[in-house]
Amino acid sequence: MFRSICFSILFLILVTGCSSTPMVEQKPIVHEITSEQLFQEALALHEQKEYPLAVSKYGEVLQKDSSFVRARIYQAGCQFELGKFEEAQVNVAQVMEDTQFSNLSTADRADTLRLQGQLLIQQAQKAKEKDKQALLRQAETHFDQASVLEER
């Protein structure tokens, strides 16, 4: 009896081990991270004031979806906090020029206008006296427009 059990086990090993159908390699299931998921990760870093990491993560969002306007606005905000005013200005200008600014949400328009106002104040601090007043007036206009949008 022991011999027949051993023979049966040996037979099963040989049959299954020498099967004519090759084993199909199982590929791991990869879940692609969406732009929105990356944005949420960037937003969490932003809220923790991890601005360099947030800028990088917003960059990943924009690589994946260059039309993700909120990522561009928030990236500009982080760049502003890091003192990278030129980079922030490029992002803000792109939001205001390349997108249909009037189609953005009220909050996104207000954030963009407020950030543009802050960037104008930064420029005014470095400008000559005659240019300083014009830049400050432009900044004030942007802040007023942002306030009007927020009141809606």
Protein backbone atom coordinates (compact mmCIF):
# COMPACT_ATOMS: atom_id res chain seq x y z
CA MET A 1 0.00 0.00 0.00
CA PHE A 2 2.80 2.39 0.91
CA ARG A 3 4.44 1.55 -2.38
CA SER A 4 1.28 2.34 -4.37
CA ILE A 5 0.92 5.71 -2.61
CA CYS A 6 4.54 6.58 -3.39
CA PHE A 7 4.05 5.48 -6.98
CA SER A 8 0.90 7.65 -7.29
CA ILE A 9 2.70 10.71 -5.89
CA LEU A 10 5.66 10.15 -8.19
CA PHE A 11 3.31 9.76 -11.15
CA LEU A 12 1.51 13.06 -10.30
CA ILE A 13 4.83 14.89 -9.97
CA LEU A 14 6.00 13.61 -13.32
CA VAL A 15 2.72 14.36 -15.08
CA THR A 16 2.35 17.89 -13.73
CA GLY A 17 6.05 18.67 -14.04
CA CYS A 18 6.26 17.53 -17.66
CA SER A 19 3.12 19.13 -18.92
CA SER A 20 3.15 20.10 -22.59
CA THR A 21 1.47 23.43 -21.90
CA PRO A 22 3.98 26.02 -20.74
CA MET A 23 3.32 27.93 -17.57
CA VAL A 24 2.11 31.44 -18.35
CA GLU A 25 4.07 34.06 -16.49
CA GLN A 26 1.75 36.13 -14.37
CA LYS A 27 2.43 39.82 -14.70
CA PRO A 28 1.81 41.93 -11.63
CA ILE A 29 -1.22 44.14 -11.81
CA VAL A 30 -0.08 47.75 -12.06
CA HIS A 31 -2.52 50.46 -11.14
CA GLU A 32 -1.64 53.67 -12.90
CA ILE A 33 -1.82 56.69 -10.66
CA THR A 34 -4.22 59.29 -12.00
CA SER A 35 -3.52 63.00 -12.28
CA GLU A 36 -6.06 63.63 -9.55
CA GLN A 37 -4.31 61.21 -7.18
CA LEU A 38 -0.96 62.89 -7.85
CA PHE A 39 -2.61 66.27 -7.29
CA GLN A 40 -3.96 65.13 -3.92
CA GLU A 41 -0.47 63.98 -2.92
CA ALA A 42 0.96 67.35 -3.99
CA LEU A 43 -1.78 69.19 -2.10
CA ALA A 44 -0.98 67.25 1.08
CA LEU A 45 2.69 68.22 0.77
CA HIS A 46 1.67 71.82 0.08
CA GLU A 47 -0.50 71.95 3.19
CA GLN A 48 2.42 70.57 5.23
CA LYS A 49 4.55 73.43 3.85
CA GLU A 50 6.82 70.91 2.10
CA TYR A 51 7.08 73.37 -0.80
CA PRO A 52 10.04 71.83 -2.72
CA LEU A 53 8.40 68.39 -2.67
CA ALA A 54 5.02 69.87 -3.57
CA VAL A 55 6.51 71.77 -6.54
CA SER A 56 8.00 68.51 -7.78
CA LYS A 57 4.74 66.59 -7.32
CA TYR A 58 2.72 69.32 -9.06
CA GLY A 59 5.27 69.01 -11.87
CA GLU A 60 4.45 65.29 -12.12
CA VAL A 61 0.77 66.17 -12.41
CA LEU A 62 1.51 68.64 -15.19
CA GLN A 63 3.70 66.12 -17.02
CA LYS A 64 0.81 63.69 -16.96
CA ASP A 65 -1.82 66.33 -17.82
CA SER A 66 -0.57 69.74 -18.93
CA SER A 67 -4.12 71.12 -18.85
CA PHE A 68 -4.51 70.51 -15.08
CA VAL A 69 -4.86 74.21 -14.27
CA ARG A 70 -5.22 73.88 -10.49
CA ALA A 71 -1.88 72.06 -10.34
CA ARG A 72 -0.27 74.94 -12.23
CA ILE A 73 -1.84 77.54 -9.91
CA TYR A 74 -0.83 75.70 -6.75
CA GLN A 75 2.67 75.01 -8.10
CA ALA A 76 3.03 78.75 -8.66
CA GLY A 77 1.94 79.34 -5.06
CA CYS A 78 4.65 77.00 -3.78
CA GLN A 79 7.22 78.63 -6.04
CA PHE A 80 6.21 82.01 -4.62
CA GLU A 81 6.68 80.69 -1.06
CA LEU A 82 10.15 79.48 -2.04
CA GLY A 83 11.07 82.89 -3.47
CA LYS A 84 11.14 81.56 -7.03
CA PHE A 85 9.19 84.53 -8.32
CA GLU A 86 10.14 84.21 -12.00
CA GLU A 87 9.02 80.57 -12.11
CA ALA A 88 5.80 81.45 -10.32
CA GLN A 89 5.19 84.29 -12.77
CA VAL A 90 5.63 81.93 -15.74
CA ASN A 91 2.98 79.59 -14.32
CA VAL A 92 0.58 82.41 -13.50
CA ALA A 93 1.03 83.95 -16.95
CA GLN A 94 0.35 80.58 -18.54
CA VAL A 95 -2.85 80.18 -16.54
CA MET A 96 -4.02 83.66 -17.48
CA GLU A 97 -2.99 83.51 -21.15
CA ASP A 98 -3.05 79.89 -22.31
CA THR A 99 -6.23 78.79 -20.61
CA GLN A 100 -9.64 80.28 -20.91
CA PHE A 101 -9.32 82.21 -17.67
CA SER A 102 -13.01 83.12 -17.57
CA ASN A 103 -13.91 79.40 -17.68
CA LEU A 104 -11.99 78.60 -14.51
CA SER A 105 -13.82 78.17 -11.23
CA THR A 106 -14.33 81.30 -9.17
CA ALA A 107 -11.90 80.03 -6.52
CA ASP A 108 -9.20 79.28 -9.10
CA ARG A 109 -9.59 82.72 -10.70
CA ALA A 110 -9.43 84.40 -7.28
CA ASP A 111 -6.32 82.39 -6.31
CA THR A 112 -4.62 83.29 -9.60
CA LEU A 113 -5.46 86.99 -9.30
CA ARG A 114 -4.27 87.10 -5.69
CA LEU A 115 -1.01 85.37 -6.60
CA GLN A 116 -0.53 87.74 -9.53
CA GLY A 117 -1.02 90.64 -7.12
CA GLN A 118 1.60 89.23 -4.76
CA LEU A 119 4.04 88.81 -7.64
CA LEU A 120 3.45 92.43 -8.70
CA ILE A 121 4.24 93.59 -5.16
CA GLN A 122 7.50 91.62 -5.32
CA GLN A 123 8.34 93.30 -8.62
CA ALA A 124 7.46 96.70 -7.18
CA GLN A 125 9.93 96.23 -4.32
CA LYS A 126 12.75 95.96 -6.86
CA ALA A 127 11.45 98.57 -9.30
CA LYS A 128 12.34 102.20 -9.72
CA GLU A 129 10.03 104.67 -8.02
CA LYS A 130 7.97 105.59 -11.10
CA ASP A 131 7.43 101.91 -12.01
CA LYS A 132 6.75 100.97 -8.40
CA GLN A 133 3.51 102.96 -8.22
CA ALA A 134 2.16 101.44 -11.45
CA LEU A 135 2.96 97.92 -10.26
CA LEU A 136 1.30 98.54 -6.90
CA ARG A 137 -1.83 99.88 -8.64
CA GLN A 138 -1.92 96.73 -10.79
CA ALA A 139 -1.52 94.59 -7.68
CA GLU A 140 -4.36 96.43 -5.98
CA THR A 141 -6.57 95.85 -9.02
CA HIS A 142 -5.83 92.12 -8.91
CA PHE A 143 -6.61 91.95 -5.19
CA ASP A 144 -9.88 93.86 -5.75
CA GLN A 145 -10.88 91.49 -8.54
CA ALA A 146 -10.08 88.48 -6.32
CA SER A 147 -12.23 89.94 -3.52
CA VAL A 148 -15.14 90.49 -5.89
CA LEU A 149 -14.91 86.87 -7.06
CA GLU A 150 -14.86 85.59 -3.48
CA GLU A 151 -17.99 87.58 -2.60
CA ARG A 152 -20.00 85.74 -5.26
